[in-house]
Amino acid sequence: VTEKEFHALEYIMRPLDLYQRAYMRTHIIDNLLKSGIEVTVVGAGWNEYNGEGKEHLHILSSSGIDIDQTIKLMGDSKIVINNTNIMDGLHERILSAMLAQSVCVTNSYNLLNNFFQNNRDFITYSLDELELLPNIISAILADSQKSEQIAKNGYQAALKSHTWVHRGEQIVSWALNHHPFTY
């Protein structure tokens, strides 16, 4: 598509994208809370949550936090859960979680497996089987030695090729040399 067509599609698809992410995020958190797993969140709307397991929900901020606070929070967390519908890209949150040395738990998608190894550098779950996510999270929390190793592996893998410095150098090279962009 042309750039103009892309922007038109983006305009049409943005509300659907936002709805899907909000729906999935709520569904993911809902499954964890119902299972008795403690969940900490940041962002608007959570103070209105009235579902089963509400006593396990911890809201740090109803208005959101800046990126520096987000990265610090990731580093203070054992697990960072990601949900993306960018199936052919690489979401910054995954890399930030790894670089913060937390266990990144994300839905699986194409490009991720080109750079990292599931169950070694990160953990995946299926959006089609969200009922299994509480078991995955519980297993991570139950085995601190394994989870610390996954966090360490993810950190090393992301540090090797996926920092903002790496990405900036790739973008500059792409722009100056007109090479096709690759990660």
N, C-alpha and C. Protein backbone atom coordinates (compact mmCIF):
# COMPACT_ATOMS: atom_id res chain seq x y z
N VAL A 1 0.85 -1.19 0.00
CA VAL A 1 0.00 0.00 0.00
C VAL A 1 0.88 1.24 0.00
N THR A 2 0.32 2.33 -0.46
CA THR A 2 1.05 3.58 -0.43
C THR A 2 1.05 4.13 0.99
N GLU A 3 1.88 5.12 1.22
CA GLU A 3 1.93 5.72 2.56
C GLU A 3 0.58 6.35 2.92
N LYS A 4 -0.06 6.98 1.95
CA LYS A 4 -1.37 7.59 2.18
C LYS A 4 -2.41 6.52 2.54
N GLU A 5 -2.39 5.40 1.80
CA GLU A 5 -3.32 4.30 2.09
C GLU A 5 -3.03 3.69 3.47
N PHE A 6 -1.74 3.59 3.81
CA PHE A 6 -1.38 3.06 5.12
C PHE A 6 -1.97 3.92 6.24
N HIS A 7 -1.82 5.23 6.12
CA HIS A 7 -2.36 6.12 7.15
C HIS A 7 -3.88 6.06 7.22
N ALA A 8 -4.52 5.87 6.09
CA ALA A 8 -5.98 5.72 6.09
C ALA A 8 -6.38 4.42 6.80
N LEU A 9 -5.67 3.35 6.52
CA LEU A 9 -5.94 2.07 7.20
C LEU A 9 -5.65 2.17 8.69
N GLU A 10 -4.56 2.85 9.02
CA GLU A 10 -4.21 3.02 10.43
C GLU A 10 -5.32 3.79 11.17
N TYR A 11 -5.86 4.80 10.54
CA TYR A 11 -6.93 5.58 11.14
C TYR A 11 -8.16 4.71 11.41
N ILE A 12 -8.48 3.84 10.46
CA ILE A 12 -9.63 2.96 10.60
C ILE A 12 -9.37 1.87 11.64
N MET A 13 -8.16 1.31 11.63
CA MET A 13 -7.85 0.16 12.48
C MET A 13 -7.49 0.53 13.92
N ARG A 14 -7.08 1.75 14.17
CA ARG A 14 -6.63 2.13 15.52
C ARG A 14 -7.67 1.84 16.60
N PRO A 15 -8.93 2.22 16.42
CA PRO A 15 -9.91 1.89 17.47
C PRO A 15 -10.06 0.38 17.70
N LEU A 16 -9.97 -0.40 16.63
CA LEU A 16 -10.05 -1.85 16.77
C LEU A 16 -8.84 -2.40 17.52
N ASP A 17 -7.68 -1.87 17.22
CA ASP A 17 -6.46 -2.27 17.90
C ASP A 17 -6.55 -1.94 19.39
N LEU A 18 -6.99 -0.74 19.72
CA LEU A 18 -7.12 -0.33 21.12
C LEU A 18 -8.14 -1.20 21.85
N TYR A 19 -9.25 -1.50 21.18
CA TYR A 19 -10.27 -2.35 21.80
C TYR A 19 -9.72 -3.75 22.07
N GLN A 20 -9.04 -4.33 21.07
CA GLN A 20 -8.50 -5.68 21.23
C GLN A 20 -7.51 -5.72 22.38
N ARG A 21 -6.60 -4.74 22.44
CA ARG A 21 -5.60 -4.75 23.51
C ARG A 21 -6.25 -4.57 24.88
N ALA A 22 -7.22 -3.68 24.98
CA ALA A 22 -7.90 -3.48 26.26
C ALA A 22 -8.68 -4.72 26.67
N TYR A 23 -9.35 -5.34 25.71
CA TYR A 23 -10.12 -6.55 25.99
C TYR A 23 -9.19 -7.67 26.46
N MET A 24 -8.11 -7.90 25.71
CA MET A 24 -7.20 -8.98 26.06
C MET A 24 -6.52 -8.70 27.40
N ARG A 25 -6.11 -7.46 27.62
CA ARG A 25 -5.46 -7.10 28.88
C ARG A 25 -6.38 -7.41 30.06
N THR A 26 -7.63 -7.00 29.95
CA THR A 26 -8.60 -7.25 31.02
C THR A 26 -8.81 -8.75 31.20
N HIS A 27 -8.93 -9.48 30.10
CA HIS A 27 -9.15 -10.92 30.16
C HIS A 27 -7.95 -11.63 30.82
N ILE A 28 -6.75 -11.21 30.47
CA ILE A 28 -5.53 -11.79 31.04
C ILE A 28 -5.49 -11.54 32.54
N ILE A 29 -5.67 -10.30 32.95
CA ILE A 29 -5.61 -9.94 34.37
C ILE A 29 -6.73 -10.64 35.13
N ASP A 30 -7.90 -10.69 34.54
CA ASP A 30 -9.05 -11.35 35.15
C ASP A 30 -8.74 -12.82 35.46
N ASN A 31 -8.14 -13.53 34.51
CA ASN A 31 -7.77 -14.93 34.71
C ASN A 31 -6.78 -15.09 35.86
N LEU A 32 -5.82 -14.20 35.94
CA LEU A 32 -4.82 -14.29 37.00
C LEU A 32 -5.43 -14.00 38.36
N LEU A 33 -6.26 -12.96 38.45
CA LEU A 33 -6.88 -12.59 39.73
C LEU A 33 -7.80 -13.69 40.23
N LYS A 34 -8.60 -14.27 39.35
CA LYS A 34 -9.50 -15.37 39.74
C LYS A 34 -8.73 -16.56 40.29
N SER A 35 -7.47 -16.70 39.86
CA SER A 35 -6.64 -17.81 40.32
C SER A 35 -5.88 -17.48 41.60
N GLY A 36 -6.10 -16.28 42.13
CA GLY A 36 -5.44 -15.90 43.37
C GLY A 36 -4.03 -15.37 43.21
N ILE A 37 -3.64 -15.05 41.99
CA ILE A 37 -2.31 -14.52 41.75
C ILE A 37 -2.33 -13.01 41.96
N GLU A 38 -1.35 -12.53 42.74
CA GLU A 38 -1.23 -11.09 43.00
C GLU A 38 -0.76 -10.39 41.73
N VAL A 39 -1.47 -9.34 41.33
CA VAL A 39 -1.16 -8.61 40.11
C VAL A 39 -1.09 -7.12 40.42
N THR A 40 -0.02 -6.49 39.97
CA THR A 40 0.15 -5.05 40.12
C THR A 40 -0.01 -4.41 38.75
N VAL A 41 -0.82 -3.36 38.68
CA VAL A 41 -1.10 -2.68 37.41
C VAL A 41 -0.91 -1.18 37.55
N VAL A 42 -0.79 -0.54 36.41
CA VAL A 42 -0.71 0.91 36.31
C VAL A 42 -1.62 1.31 35.16
N GLY A 43 -2.44 2.33 35.35
CA GLY A 43 -3.25 2.83 34.25
C GLY A 43 -4.70 3.06 34.62
N ALA A 44 -5.35 3.80 33.76
CA ALA A 44 -6.73 4.20 33.99
C ALA A 44 -7.68 3.01 33.92
N GLY A 45 -8.72 3.06 34.72
CA GLY A 45 -9.80 2.10 34.67
C GLY A 45 -9.72 0.96 35.66
N TRP A 46 -8.53 0.65 36.16
CA TRP A 46 -8.41 -0.49 37.06
C TRP A 46 -9.08 -0.25 38.40
N ASN A 47 -9.20 1.00 38.83
CA ASN A 47 -9.88 1.27 40.11
C ASN A 47 -11.37 0.96 40.03
N GLU A 48 -11.89 0.75 38.83
CA GLU A 48 -13.29 0.38 38.65
C GLU A 48 -13.48 -1.13 38.52
N TYR A 49 -12.39 -1.88 38.54
CA TYR A 49 -12.46 -3.33 38.39
C TYR A 49 -13.23 -3.92 39.56
N ASN A 50 -14.20 -4.75 39.26
CA ASN A 50 -15.05 -5.32 40.30
C ASN A 50 -15.21 -6.84 40.14
N GLY A 51 -14.24 -7.45 39.47
CA GLY A 51 -14.34 -8.88 39.20
C GLY A 51 -13.88 -9.74 40.35
N GLU A 52 -14.04 -11.03 40.15
CA GLU A 52 -13.61 -12.01 41.13
C GLU A 52 -12.09 -11.90 41.33
N GLY A 53 -11.65 -11.96 42.57
CA GLY A 53 -10.22 -11.86 42.87
C GLY A 53 -9.73 -10.44 43.00
N LYS A 54 -10.65 -9.50 43.09
CA LYS A 54 -10.28 -8.08 43.18
C LYS A 54 -9.29 -7.82 44.32
N GLU A 55 -9.36 -8.61 45.38
CA GLU A 55 -8.46 -8.41 46.52
C GLU A 55 -7.00 -8.68 46.16
N HIS A 56 -6.75 -9.30 45.01
CA HIS A 56 -5.38 -9.59 44.57
C HIS A 56 -4.84 -8.52 43.62
N LEU A 57 -5.66 -7.51 43.33
CA LEU A 57 -5.28 -6.45 42.40
C LEU A 57 -4.67 -5.29 43.16
N HIS A 58 -3.47 -4.89 42.74
CA HIS A 58 -2.76 -3.76 43.35
C HIS A 58 -2.55 -2.70 42.28
N ILE A 59 -3.08 -1.52 42.52
CA ILE A 59 -3.01 -0.43 41.55
C ILE A 59 -1.98 0.58 42.03
N LEU A 60 -0.90 0.75 41.26
CA LEU A 60 0.14 1.70 41.64
C LEU A 60 -0.23 3.12 41.25
N SER A 61 -0.92 3.26 40.13
CA SER A 61 -1.31 4.58 39.66
C SER A 61 -2.50 4.43 38.73
N SER A 62 -3.49 5.28 38.92
CA SER A 62 -4.65 5.27 38.04
C SER A 62 -4.45 6.16 36.82
N SER A 63 -3.40 6.98 36.85
CA SER A 63 -3.18 7.91 35.75
C SER A 63 -2.03 7.51 34.84
N GLY A 64 -1.30 6.48 35.20
CA GLY A 64 -0.15 6.05 34.41
C GLY A 64 1.14 6.59 35.00
N ILE A 65 2.25 6.12 34.48
CA ILE A 65 3.56 6.58 34.95
C ILE A 65 4.45 6.80 33.74
N ASP A 66 5.54 7.57 33.93
CA ASP A 66 6.43 7.83 32.80
C ASP A 66 7.34 6.62 32.55
N ILE A 67 8.07 6.67 31.45
CA ILE A 67 8.87 5.52 31.02
C ILE A 67 9.96 5.18 32.02
N ASP A 68 10.58 6.17 32.66
CA ASP A 68 11.61 5.87 33.65
C ASP A 68 11.03 5.09 34.83
N GLN A 69 9.85 5.49 35.29
CA GLN A 69 9.19 4.77 36.37
C GLN A 69 8.77 3.36 35.90
N THR A 70 8.35 3.27 34.65
CA THR A 70 7.94 1.98 34.10
C THR A 70 9.12 1.01 34.10
N ILE A 71 10.27 1.46 33.65
CA ILE A 71 11.47 0.61 33.60
C ILE A 71 11.88 0.19 35.01
N LYS A 72 11.82 1.13 35.96
CA LYS A 72 12.15 0.79 37.35
C LYS A 72 11.17 -0.24 37.89
N LEU A 73 9.89 -0.05 37.61
CA LEU A 73 8.87 -1.01 38.05
C LEU A 73 9.11 -2.39 37.44
N MET A 74 9.48 -2.42 36.17
CA MET A 74 9.80 -3.70 35.54
C MET A 74 10.96 -4.39 36.27
N GLY A 75 11.98 -3.61 36.63
CA GLY A 75 13.13 -4.15 37.32
C GLY A 75 12.80 -4.65 38.72
N ASP A 76 11.79 -4.06 39.32
CA ASP A 76 11.36 -4.49 40.66
C ASP A 76 10.40 -5.67 40.60
N SER A 77 9.98 -6.04 39.41
CA SER A 77 9.00 -7.10 39.23
C SER A 77 9.68 -8.43 38.91
N LYS A 78 9.09 -9.51 39.37
CA LYS A 78 9.60 -10.83 39.02
C LYS A 78 9.21 -11.18 37.59
N ILE A 79 8.00 -10.77 37.20
CA ILE A 79 7.44 -11.12 35.90
C ILE A 79 6.82 -9.87 35.27
N VAL A 80 7.03 -9.70 33.98
CA VAL A 80 6.34 -8.67 33.21
C VAL A 80 5.54 -9.40 32.14
N ILE A 81 4.23 -9.17 32.15
CA ILE A 81 3.35 -9.82 31.17
C ILE A 81 3.13 -8.88 30.01
N ASN A 82 3.30 -9.40 28.82
CA ASN A 82 3.11 -8.63 27.61
C ASN A 82 2.00 -9.27 26.77
N ASN A 83 1.23 -8.43 26.12
CA ASN A 83 0.22 -8.86 25.16
C ASN A 83 0.37 -7.95 23.96
N THR A 84 0.64 -8.53 22.82
CA THR A 84 0.79 -7.70 21.63
C THR A 84 0.04 -8.32 20.46
N ASN A 85 -0.37 -7.46 19.56
CA ASN A 85 -0.92 -7.95 18.31
C ASN A 85 -0.05 -7.48 17.15
N ILE A 86 1.21 -7.16 17.45
CA ILE A 86 2.20 -6.87 16.43
C ILE A 86 2.87 -8.20 16.11
N MET A 87 2.35 -8.90 15.16
CA MET A 87 2.79 -10.28 14.94
C MET A 87 4.07 -10.38 14.11
N ASP A 88 4.45 -9.32 13.44
CA ASP A 88 5.67 -9.37 12.63
C ASP A 88 6.68 -8.31 13.04
N GLY A 89 6.51 -7.74 14.21
CA GLY A 89 7.44 -6.73 14.71
C GLY A 89 8.05 -7.20 16.01
N LEU A 90 8.75 -6.31 16.67
CA LEU A 90 9.38 -6.64 17.94
C LEU A 90 9.01 -5.53 18.92
N HIS A 91 8.18 -5.83 19.89
CA HIS A 91 7.65 -4.82 20.79
C HIS A 91 8.68 -4.40 21.84
N GLU A 92 8.80 -3.11 22.05
CA GLU A 92 9.75 -2.55 23.00
C GLU A 92 9.55 -3.09 24.41
N ARG A 93 8.31 -3.36 24.81
CA ARG A 93 8.04 -3.81 26.18
C ARG A 93 8.75 -5.13 26.50
N ILE A 94 8.83 -6.01 25.50
CA ILE A 94 9.52 -7.29 25.68
C ILE A 94 11.00 -7.05 25.97
N LEU A 95 11.60 -6.21 25.16
CA LEU A 95 13.02 -5.91 25.33
C LEU A 95 13.26 -5.16 26.64
N SER A 96 12.40 -4.22 26.97
CA SER A 96 12.55 -3.49 28.23
C SER A 96 12.44 -4.41 29.44
N ALA A 97 11.51 -5.36 29.38
CA ALA A 97 11.36 -6.33 30.48
C ALA A 97 12.63 -7.17 30.62
N MET A 98 13.16 -7.62 29.49
CA MET A 98 14.38 -8.42 29.52
C MET A 98 15.56 -7.59 30.06
N LEU A 99 15.70 -6.36 29.57
CA LEU A 99 16.80 -5.51 30.00
C LEU A 99 16.65 -5.07 31.46
N ALA A 100 15.44 -5.13 31.99
CA ALA A 100 15.20 -4.84 33.41
C ALA A 100 15.42 -6.08 34.28
N GLN A 101 15.76 -7.19 33.63
CA GLN A 101 16.06 -8.47 34.28
C GLN A 101 14.85 -9.08 35.00
N SER A 102 13.70 -8.93 34.35
CA SER A 102 12.47 -9.60 34.79
C SER A 102 12.19 -10.73 33.81
N VAL A 103 11.39 -11.70 34.23
CA VAL A 103 10.97 -12.75 33.31
C VAL A 103 9.86 -12.16 32.44
N CYS A 104 10.10 -12.13 31.15
CA CYS A 104 9.10 -11.64 30.21
C CYS A 104 8.19 -12.80 29.82
N VAL A 105 6.90 -12.63 30.06
CA VAL A 105 5.89 -13.61 29.67
C VAL A 105 5.02 -12.93 28.62
N THR A 106 5.04 -13.47 27.41
CA THR A 106 4.35 -12.81 26.31
C THR A 106 3.65 -13.83 25.42
N ASN A 107 2.65 -13.35 24.70
CA ASN A 107 2.08 -14.23 23.69
C ASN A 107 3.12 -14.42 22.60
N SER A 108 3.11 -15.58 21.98
CA SER A 108 4.13 -15.87 20.98
C SER A 108 3.76 -15.23 19.65
N TYR A 109 4.79 -14.91 18.90
CA TYR A 109 4.59 -14.41 17.55
C TYR A 109 5.86 -14.58 16.75
N ASN A 110 5.74 -14.40 15.45
CA ASN A 110 6.75 -14.79 14.47
C ASN A 110 8.16 -14.30 14.77
N LEU A 111 8.37 -13.01 14.82
CA LEU A 111 9.72 -12.45 14.87
C LEU A 111 10.45 -12.76 16.18
N LEU A 112 9.74 -12.88 17.24
CA LEU A 112 10.35 -13.10 18.56
C LEU A 112 11.25 -14.33 18.56
N ASN A 113 10.80 -15.39 17.93
CA ASN A 113 11.58 -16.63 17.92
C ASN A 113 12.82 -16.57 17.04
N ASN A 114 12.96 -15.51 16.24
CA ASN A 114 14.18 -15.33 15.45
C ASN A 114 15.35 -14.87 16.31
N PHE A 115 15.06 -14.27 17.47
CA PHE A 115 16.11 -13.67 18.28
C PHE A 115 16.28 -14.32 19.65
N PHE A 116 15.22 -14.90 20.14
CA PHE A 116 15.24 -15.43 21.50
C PHE A 116 14.67 -16.83 21.52
N GLN A 117 15.00 -17.55 22.57
CA GLN A 117 14.53 -18.93 22.70
C GLN A 117 13.50 -19.02 23.82
N ASN A 118 12.32 -19.54 23.47
CA ASN A 118 11.24 -19.71 24.44
C ASN A 118 11.69 -20.68 25.54
N ASN A 119 11.30 -20.37 26.75
CA ASN A 119 11.64 -21.13 27.95
C ASN A 119 13.11 -21.04 28.34
N ARG A 120 13.87 -20.26 27.61
CA ARG A 120 15.26 -19.99 27.98
C ARG A 120 15.44 -18.49 28.26
N ASP A 121 14.96 -17.64 27.33
CA ASP A 121 15.10 -16.19 27.43
C ASP A 121 13.81 -15.51 27.85
N PHE A 122 12.71 -16.15 27.62
CA PHE A 122 11.37 -15.62 27.90
C PHE A 122 10.42 -16.81 27.97
N ILE A 123 9.17 -16.54 28.32
CA ILE A 123 8.14 -17.58 28.38
C ILE A 123 6.96 -17.10 27.54
N THR A 124 6.36 -18.02 26.78
CA THR A 124 5.19 -17.64 26.00
C THR A 124 3.92 -18.30 26.54
N TYR A 125 2.82 -17.68 26.17
CA TYR A 125 1.49 -18.24 26.42
C TYR A 125 0.68 -18.03 25.16
N SER A 126 -0.40 -18.79 25.06
CA SER A 126 -1.27 -18.70 23.89
C SER A 126 -2.49 -17.84 24.21
N LEU A 127 -2.79 -16.91 23.32
CA LEU A 127 -4.00 -16.10 23.48
C LEU A 127 -5.25 -16.94 23.34
N ASP A 128 -5.12 -18.10 22.71
CA ASP A 128 -6.26 -19.01 22.54
C ASP A 128 -6.46 -19.91 23.75
N GLU A 129 -5.51 -19.90 24.69
CA GLU A 129 -5.59 -20.75 25.88
C GLU A 129 -5.23 -19.96 27.13
N LEU A 130 -5.88 -18.82 27.30
CA LEU A 130 -5.58 -17.96 28.45
C LEU A 130 -5.86 -18.63 29.78
N GLU A 131 -6.70 -19.65 29.79
CA GLU A 131 -6.98 -20.35 31.05
C GLU A 131 -5.73 -21.05 31.58
N LEU A 132 -4.71 -21.25 30.72
CA LEU A 132 -3.46 -21.89 31.15
C LEU A 132 -2.47 -20.88 31.73
N LEU A 133 -2.68 -19.60 31.50
CA LEU A 133 -1.74 -18.58 31.95
C LEU A 133 -1.51 -18.60 33.46
N PRO A 134 -2.53 -18.74 34.30
CA PRO A 134 -2.25 -18.81 35.74
C PRO A 134 -1.30 -19.95 36.12
N ASN A 135 -1.40 -21.08 35.44
CA ASN A 135 -0.48 -22.19 35.71
C ASN A 135 0.95 -21.83 35.31
N ILE A 136 1.10 -21.14 34.19
CA ILE A 136 2.42 -20.72 33.72
C ILE A 136 3.03 -19.75 34.73
N ILE A 137 2.25 -18.77 35.17
CA ILE A 137 2.74 -17.78 36.14
C ILE A 137 3.08 -18.46 37.47
N SER A 138 2.21 -19.34 37.92
CA SER A 138 2.46 -20.05 39.19
C SER A 138 3.74 -20.87 39.12
N ALA A 139 3.99 -21.52 38.00
CA ALA A 139 5.21 -22.32 37.83
C ALA A 139 6.46 -21.45 37.89
N ILE A 140 6.39 -20.27 37.28
CA ILE A 140 7.52 -19.35 37.32
C ILE A 140 7.78 -18.90 38.76
N LEU A 141 6.71 -18.54 39.46
CA LEU A 141 6.86 -18.06 40.84
C LEU A 141 7.33 -19.16 41.78
N ALA A 142 7.00 -20.40 41.47
CA ALA A 142 7.36 -21.53 42.35
C ALA A 142 8.82 -21.95 42.21
N ASP A 143 9.46 -21.62 41.10
CA ASP A 143 10.83 -22.05 40.87
C ASP A 143 11.73 -20.84 40.70
N SER A 144 12.17 -20.27 41.82
CA SER A 144 12.95 -19.03 41.77
C SER A 144 14.28 -19.22 41.05
N GLN A 145 14.89 -20.38 41.17
CA GLN A 145 16.17 -20.62 40.49
C GLN A 145 15.98 -20.58 38.97
N LYS A 146 14.95 -21.26 38.48
CA LYS A 146 14.68 -21.26 37.05
C LYS A 146 14.29 -19.87 36.56
N SER A 147 13.43 -19.18 37.31
CA SER A 147 12.99 -17.85 36.87
C SER A 147 14.16 -16.86 36.86
N GLU A 148 15.05 -16.95 37.84
CA GLU A 148 16.23 -16.08 37.85
C GLU A 148 17.13 -16.37 36.65
N GLN A 149 17.24 -17.63 36.27
CA GLN A 149 18.06 -17.99 35.11
C GLN A 149 17.42 -17.47 33.81
N ILE A 150 16.11 -17.58 33.69
CA ILE A 150 15.43 -17.06 32.50
C ILE A 150 15.60 -15.54 32.42
N ALA A 151 15.45 -14.86 33.55
CA ALA A 151 15.63 -13.40 33.57
C ALA A 151 17.06 -13.04 33.16
N LYS A 152 18.03 -13.78 33.66
CA LYS A 152 19.44 -13.53 33.33
C LYS A 152 19.71 -13.80 31.85
N ASN A 153 19.20 -14.91 31.33
CA ASN A 153 19.37 -15.25 29.91
C ASN A 153 18.73 -14.18 29.02
N GLY A 154 17.51 -13.77 29.37
CA GLY A 154 16.82 -12.75 28.59
C GLY A 154 17.59 -11.44 28.58
N TYR A 155 18.12 -11.08 29.74
CA TYR A 155 18.92 -9.85 29.85
C TYR A 155 20.13 -9.92 28.92
N GLN A 156 20.87 -11.03 28.99
CA GLN A 156 22.08 -11.17 28.16
C GLN A 156 21.73 -11.15 26.67
N ALA A 157 20.67 -11.83 26.29
CA ALA A 157 20.26 -11.89 24.88
C ALA A 157 19.83 -10.52 24.37
N ALA A 158 19.07 -9.79 25.17
CA ALA A 158 18.62 -8.45 24.75
C ALA A 158 19.77 -7.46 24.73
N LEU A 159 20.66 -7.55 25.73
CA LEU A 159 21.80 -6.64 25.82
C LEU A 159 22.73 -6.80 24.62
N LYS A 160 22.82 -8.00 24.11
CA LYS A 160 23.72 -8.30 22.99
C LYS A 160 23.36 -7.54 21.72
N SER A 161 22.07 -7.39 21.42
CA SER A 161 21.68 -6.82 20.12
C SER A 161 20.44 -5.95 20.13
N HIS A 162 19.82 -5.72 21.28
CA HIS A 162 18.51 -5.07 21.25
C HIS A 162 18.36 -3.93 22.23
N THR A 163 19.41 -3.14 22.41
CA THR A 163 19.30 -1.94 23.24
C THR A 163 18.89 -0.77 22.34
N TRP A 164 18.56 0.35 22.96
CA TRP A 164 18.21 1.53 22.17
C TRP A 164 19.42 2.00 21.34
N VAL A 165 20.63 1.80 21.87
CA VAL A 165 21.83 2.17 21.11
C VAL A 165 21.92 1.32 19.84
N HIS A 166 21.72 0.01 19.98
CA HIS A 166 21.74 -0.86 18.80
C HIS A 166 20.69 -0.42 17.79
N ARG A 167 19.49 -0.19 18.27
CA ARG A 167 18.40 0.17 17.36
C ARG A 167 18.69 1.51 16.68
N GLY A 168 19.21 2.48 17.43
CA GLY A 168 19.56 3.77 16.84
C GLY A 168 20.60 3.64 15.74
N GLU A 169 21.63 2.82 15.99
CA GLU A 169 22.66 2.60 14.98
C GLU A 169 22.07 1.95 13.73
N GLN A 170 21.15 1.01 13.92
CA GLN A 170 20.52 0.35 12.78
C GLN A 170 19.68 1.34 11.97
N ILE A 171 18.97 2.20 12.65
CA ILE A 171 18.12 3.18 11.95
C ILE A 171 18.98 4.17 11.18
N VAL A 172 20.07 4.66 11.80
CA VAL A 172 20.97 5.59 11.11
C VAL A 172 21.57 4.93 9.87
N SER A 173 22.04 3.70 10.03
CA SER A 173 22.61 2.97 8.90
C SER A 173 21.57 2.77 7.80
N TRP A 174 20.38 2.42 8.20
CA TRP A 174 19.29 2.22 7.24
C TRP A 174 19.01 3.52 6.48
N ALA A 175 18.92 4.63 7.22
CA ALA A 175 18.59 5.91 6.60
C ALA A 175 19.71 6.41 5.69
N LEU A 176 20.96 6.28 6.15
CA LEU A 176 22.08 6.80 5.37
C LEU A 176 22.46 5.91 4.18
N ASN A 177 22.37 4.63 4.37
CA ASN A 177 22.84 3.69 3.34
C ASN A 177 21.73 3.11 2.48
N HIS A 178 20.50 3.41 2.82
CA HIS A 178 19.33 2.94 2.07
C HIS A 178 19.27 1.42 1.98
N HIS A 179 19.81 0.73 3.00
CA HIS A 179 19.71 -0.72 3.06
C HIS A 179 18.34 -1.08 3.62
N PRO A 180 17.84 -2.23 3.25
CA PRO A 180 16.58 -2.67 3.86
C PRO A 180 16.77 -2.81 5.39
N PHE A 181 15.80 -2.37 6.14
CA PHE A 181 15.93 -2.45 7.60
C PHE A 181 15.84 -3.90 8.05
N THR A 182 16.77 -4.28 8.89
CA THR A 182 16.72 -5.58 9.54
C THR A 182 17.06 -5.38 10.99
N TYR A 183 16.58 -6.29 11.81
CA TYR A 183 16.91 -6.23 13.22
C TYR A 183 18.29 -6.78 13.42
